[in-house]
């Protein structure tokens, strides 16, 4: 299952148009090639198959993250990490 969890941009590589994002404590990279909005460090984005697709309002992002936190609090630590890793390995991800 592919999840689109709000991710906070922590760094932007302008040369390669790649953002480093924090997805609930897991650092990953996402291409900025398909997003049609200006993004900056500190913005929240939704990522699909390795591409940042939408910028999301911070208030909405934090609200969504609270729901995800409630879900993962009910999961064991290994299950939490595995869910995020499985999302990274989603076959639809580029």
C-alpha atoms as a PDB file:
ATOM      1  CA  UNK A   1       0.000   0.000   0.000  1.00  0.00           C
ATOM      2  CA  UNK A   2       1.365   3.422  -0.909  1.00  0.00           C
ATOM      3  CA  UNK A   3       0.738   6.157   1.628  1.00  0.00           C
ATOM      4  CA  UNK A   4       1.039   9.849   1.019  1.00  0.00           C
ATOM      5  CA  UNK A   5       2.240  11.136   4.347  1.00  0.00           C
ATOM      6  CA  UNK A   6       2.977  14.851   4.625  1.00  0.00           C
ATOM      7  CA  UNK A   7       6.721  15.326   4.535  1.00  0.00           C
ATOM      8  CA  UNK A   8       8.658  18.406   5.592  1.00  0.00           C
ATOM      9  CA  UNK A   9      11.348  19.708   3.262  1.00  0.00           C
ATOM     10  CA  UNK A  10      14.646  19.931   5.113  1.00  0.00           C
ATOM     11  CA  UNK A  11      16.989  20.631   2.214  1.00  0.00           C
ATOM     12  CA  UNK A  12      16.766  21.457  -1.485  1.00  0.00           C
ATOM     13  CA  UNK A  13      19.379  20.495  -4.064  1.00  0.00           C
ATOM     14  CA  UNK A  14      18.584  23.099  -6.698  1.00  0.00           C
ATOM     15  CA  UNK A  15      21.112  21.712  -9.186  1.00  0.00           C
ATOM     16  CA  UNK A  16      19.334  18.323  -9.332  1.00  0.00           C
ATOM     17  CA  UNK A  17      15.882  19.610  -8.361  1.00  0.00           C
ATOM     18  CA  UNK A  18      15.725  17.170  -5.443  1.00  0.00           C
ATOM     19  CA  UNK A  19      14.343  17.824  -1.988  1.00  0.00           C
ATOM     20  CA  UNK A  20      15.395  16.028   1.148  1.00  0.00           C
ATOM     21  CA  UNK A  21      12.329  15.552   3.291  1.00  0.00           C
ATOM     22  CA  UNK A  22      11.528  14.302   6.767  1.00  0.00           C
ATOM     23  CA  UNK A  23       8.658  11.829   6.790  1.00  0.00           C
ATOM     24  CA  UNK A  24       7.848  11.248  10.435  1.00  0.00           C
ATOM     25  CA  UNK A  25      11.512  11.002  11.364  1.00  0.00           C
ATOM     26  CA  UNK A  26      12.644   9.130   8.248  1.00  0.00           C
ATOM     27  CA  UNK A  27      14.805  11.116   5.844  1.00  0.00           C
ATOM     28  CA  UNK A  28      14.265  10.496   2.149  1.00  0.00           C
ATOM     29  CA  UNK A  29      14.623  12.291  -1.148  1.00  0.00           C
ATOM     30  CA  UNK A  30      11.953  13.359  -3.604  1.00  0.00           C
ATOM     31  CA  UNK A  31      12.133  14.858  -7.053  1.00  0.00           C
ATOM     32  CA  UNK A  32      10.659  18.325  -7.475  1.00  0.00           C
ATOM     33  CA  UNK A  33      10.233  17.853 -11.239  1.00  0.00           C
ATOM     34  CA  UNK A  34       6.436  17.469 -11.143  1.00  0.00           C
ATOM     35  CA  UNK A  35       5.391  20.026  -8.561  1.00  0.00           C
ATOM     36  CA  UNK A  36       3.993  23.219 -10.042  1.00  0.00           C
ATOM     37  CA  UNK A  37       4.325  25.311  -6.911  1.00  0.00           C
ATOM     38  CA  UNK A  38       7.345  27.045  -5.434  1.00  0.00           C
ATOM     39  CA  UNK A  39       8.587  25.162  -2.387  1.00  0.00           C
ATOM     40  CA  UNK A  40      11.088  26.099   0.263  1.00  0.00           C
ATOM     41  CA  UNK A  41      12.802  24.479   3.216  1.00  0.00           C
ATOM     42  CA  UNK A  42      10.178  24.099   5.942  1.00  0.00           C
ATOM     43  CA  UNK A  43       7.260  23.544   3.536  1.00  0.00           C
ATOM     44  CA  UNK A  44       5.220  20.338   3.674  1.00  0.00           C
ATOM     45  CA  UNK A  45       4.651  18.296   0.532  1.00  0.00           C
ATOM     46  CA  UNK A  46       2.825  15.113  -0.419  1.00  0.00           C
ATOM     47  CA  UNK A  47       5.018  12.588  -2.212  1.00  0.00           C
ATOM     48  CA  UNK A  48       3.891   9.949  -4.689  1.00  0.00           C
ATOM     49  CA  UNK A  49       6.215   7.455  -6.360  1.00  0.00           C
ATOM     50  CA  UNK A  50       9.249   9.512  -5.428  1.00  0.00           C
ATOM     51  CA  UNK A  51       7.933  12.846  -6.675  1.00  0.00           C
ATOM     52  CA  UNK A  52       6.685  15.768  -4.607  1.00  0.00           C
ATOM     53  CA  UNK A  53       3.214  16.290  -6.070  1.00  0.00           C
ATOM     54  CA  UNK A  54       1.553  18.932  -3.924  1.00  0.00           C
ATOM     55  CA  UNK A  55       2.487  21.508  -1.367  1.00  0.00           C
ATOM     56  CA  UNK A  56       0.247  21.167   1.665  1.00  0.00           C
ATOM     57  CA  UNK A  57      -0.712  23.823   4.180  1.00  0.00           C
ATOM     58  CA  UNK A  58       1.233  23.413   7.438  1.00  0.00           C
ATOM     59  CA  UNK A  59      -1.963  23.309   9.513  1.00  0.00           C
ATOM     60  CA  UNK A  60      -3.403  20.495   7.361  1.00  0.00           C
ATOM     61  CA  UNK A  61      -0.067  18.663   7.348  1.00  0.00           C
ATOM     62  CA  UNK A  62       0.221  18.770  11.133  1.00  0.00           C
ATOM     63  CA  UNK A  63      -3.397  17.635  11.491  1.00  0.00           C
ATOM     64  CA  UNK A  64      -2.739  14.657   9.170  1.00  0.00           C
ATOM     65  CA  UNK A  65       0.480  13.820  10.988  1.00  0.00           C
ATOM     66  CA  UNK A  66      -1.412  13.707  14.305  1.00  0.00           C
ATOM     67  CA  UNK A  67      -3.772  11.097  12.840  1.00  0.00           C
ATOM     68  CA  UNK A  68      -0.817   9.061  11.548  1.00  0.00           C
ATOM     69  CA  UNK A  69       0.843   9.333  14.965  1.00  0.00           C
ATOM     70  CA  UNK A  70      -2.272   7.953  16.639  1.00  0.00           C
ATOM     71  CA  UNK A  71      -2.219   5.020  14.213  1.00  0.00           C
ATOM     72  CA  UNK A  72       1.463   4.230  14.640  1.00  0.00           C
ATOM     73  CA  UNK A  73       1.306   4.534  18.425  1.00  0.00           C
ATOM     74  CA  UNK A  74      -0.825   1.424  18.245  1.00  0.00           C
ATOM     75  CA  UNK A  75       1.848  -0.365  16.183  1.00  0.00           C
ATOM     76  CA  UNK A  76       5.033  -2.002  17.456  1.00  0.00           C
ATOM     77  CA  UNK A  77       8.337  -0.231  16.661  1.00  0.00           C
ATOM     78  CA  UNK A  78       9.400  -2.739  14.010  1.00  0.00           C
ATOM     79  CA  UNK A  79       5.990  -2.581  12.359  1.00  0.00           C
ATOM     80  CA  UNK A  80       6.285   1.234  12.235  1.00  0.00           C
ATOM     81  CA  UNK A  81       9.671   1.179  10.532  1.00  0.00           C
ATOM     82  CA  UNK A  82       8.548  -1.590   8.176  1.00  0.00           C
ATOM     83  CA  UNK A  83       5.437   0.391   7.121  1.00  0.00           C
ATOM     84  CA  UNK A  84       7.588   3.377   6.143  1.00  0.00           C
ATOM     85  CA  UNK A  85      10.159   1.176   4.388  1.00  0.00           C
ATOM     86  CA  UNK A  86       7.399  -0.630   2.495  1.00  0.00           C
ATOM     87  CA  UNK A  87       6.078   2.730   1.371  1.00  0.00           C
ATOM     88  CA  UNK A  88       9.569   3.601   0.106  1.00  0.00           C
ATOM     89  CA  UNK A  89       9.650   0.268  -1.772  1.00  0.00           C
ATOM     90  CA  UNK A  90       6.164   0.701  -3.234  1.00  0.00           C
ATOM     91  CA  UNK A  91       6.205  -0.839  -6.744  1.00  0.00           C
ATOM     92  CA  UNK A  92       4.520   2.271  -8.105  1.00  0.00           C
ATOM     93  CA  UNK A  93       7.387   4.431  -6.846  1.00  0.00           C
ATOM     94  CA  UNK A  94       9.794   5.442  -9.570  1.00  0.00           C
END
